[in-house]
């Protein structure tokens, strides 16, 4: 938890990712925290891998991620996938 607090203290800007263009732009720039307002269950693993390569911290708005319910099972699925 301390690592997250440090990350937020050092990086006050969070990029809102609404589409592929936003995503590619954020990967190539200094922003360290990405908040996904798009995506689907099929591309989450690829996103996670790419963001790890670029040392980005990701958050998902599960209401906007296609294929994942906002129920207990959806949260468990994301936790098991380390997303």
Protein backbone atom coordinates (compact mmCIF):
# COMPACT_ATOMS: atom_id res chain seq x y z
CA UNK A 1 0.00 0.00 0.00
CA UNK A 2 2.89 2.37 0.73
CA UNK A 3 4.12 1.93 -2.84
CA UNK A 4 0.75 3.13 -4.17
CA UNK A 5 0.75 6.14 -1.86
CA UNK A 6 4.28 7.04 -2.96
CA UNK A 7 3.29 6.61 -6.59
CA UNK A 8 0.32 8.98 -6.20
CA UNK A 9 2.39 11.52 -4.30
CA UNK A 10 5.09 11.57 -6.98
CA UNK A 11 2.71 11.35 -9.96
CA UNK A 12 -0.19 13.75 -9.58
CA UNK A 13 -1.38 13.31 -13.17
CA UNK A 14 -3.50 10.28 -14.06
CA UNK A 15 -4.17 9.64 -17.74
CA UNK A 16 -7.76 8.76 -18.62
CA UNK A 17 -7.60 6.14 -21.36
CA UNK A 18 -10.73 6.28 -23.53
CA UNK A 19 -9.41 4.71 -26.73
CA UNK A 20 -6.34 3.26 -28.46
CA UNK A 21 -4.95 6.69 -29.33
CA UNK A 22 -5.01 7.78 -25.67
CA UNK A 23 -3.35 4.51 -24.70
CA UNK A 24 -0.47 4.72 -27.18
CA UNK A 25 0.08 8.39 -26.32
CA UNK A 26 0.25 7.64 -22.57
CA UNK A 27 2.71 4.77 -23.11
CA UNK A 28 5.12 7.08 -24.91
CA UNK A 29 4.94 9.91 -22.35
CA UNK A 30 5.98 10.45 -18.77
CA UNK A 31 2.60 9.83 -17.12
CA UNK A 32 2.93 6.82 -14.82
CA UNK A 33 -0.70 6.09 -13.87
CA UNK A 34 -3.30 5.05 -16.43
CA UNK A 35 -7.03 4.82 -15.71
CA UNK A 36 -8.81 2.70 -18.32
CA UNK A 37 -12.31 3.74 -19.34
CA UNK A 38 -12.35 1.29 -22.23
CA UNK A 39 -11.22 -2.19 -23.17
CA UNK A 40 -12.52 -5.69 -22.96
CA UNK A 41 -11.75 -8.96 -21.28
CA UNK A 42 -9.87 -10.14 -24.38
CA UNK A 43 -7.22 -7.38 -24.40
CA UNK A 44 -6.59 -6.91 -20.67
CA UNK A 45 -3.65 -9.31 -20.51
CA UNK A 46 -1.92 -7.58 -23.42
CA UNK A 47 -2.51 -4.18 -21.80
CA UNK A 48 -1.10 -5.42 -18.49
CA UNK A 49 2.03 -6.77 -20.17
CA UNK A 50 2.64 -3.60 -22.17
CA UNK A 51 2.08 -1.36 -19.16
CA UNK A 52 4.53 -3.45 -17.13
CA UNK A 53 7.15 -3.02 -19.86
CA UNK A 54 6.65 0.77 -19.71
CA UNK A 55 6.51 0.80 -15.89
CA UNK A 56 2.93 2.12 -15.78
CA UNK A 57 0.42 1.58 -12.99
CA UNK A 58 -3.04 0.72 -14.31
CA UNK A 59 -6.52 1.03 -12.92
CA UNK A 60 -9.69 -0.25 -14.55
CA UNK A 61 -13.17 1.23 -14.41
CA UNK A 62 -15.00 -2.09 -14.47
CA UNK A 63 -18.27 -0.48 -15.56
CA UNK A 64 -16.58 0.28 -18.89
CA UNK A 65 -14.59 -2.94 -19.42
CA UNK A 66 -16.60 -5.20 -21.71
CA UNK A 67 -17.01 -8.81 -20.65
CA UNK A 68 -16.48 -8.25 -16.93
CA UNK A 69 -19.38 -7.97 -14.55
CA UNK A 70 -19.28 -5.62 -11.64
CA UNK A 71 -20.20 -8.45 -9.34
CA UNK A 72 -18.09 -10.46 -6.91
CA UNK A 73 -17.02 -12.94 -9.58
CA UNK A 74 -15.80 -10.16 -11.90
CA UNK A 75 -13.62 -8.75 -9.13
CA UNK A 76 -12.26 -12.21 -8.30
CA UNK A 77 -11.47 -12.78 -12.00
CA UNK A 78 -9.50 -9.52 -12.17
CA UNK A 79 -7.66 -10.30 -8.94
CA UNK A 80 -6.69 -13.75 -10.19
CA UNK A 81 -5.36 -12.21 -13.40
CA UNK A 82 -3.31 -9.67 -11.38
CA UNK A 83 -5.05 -6.75 -13.08
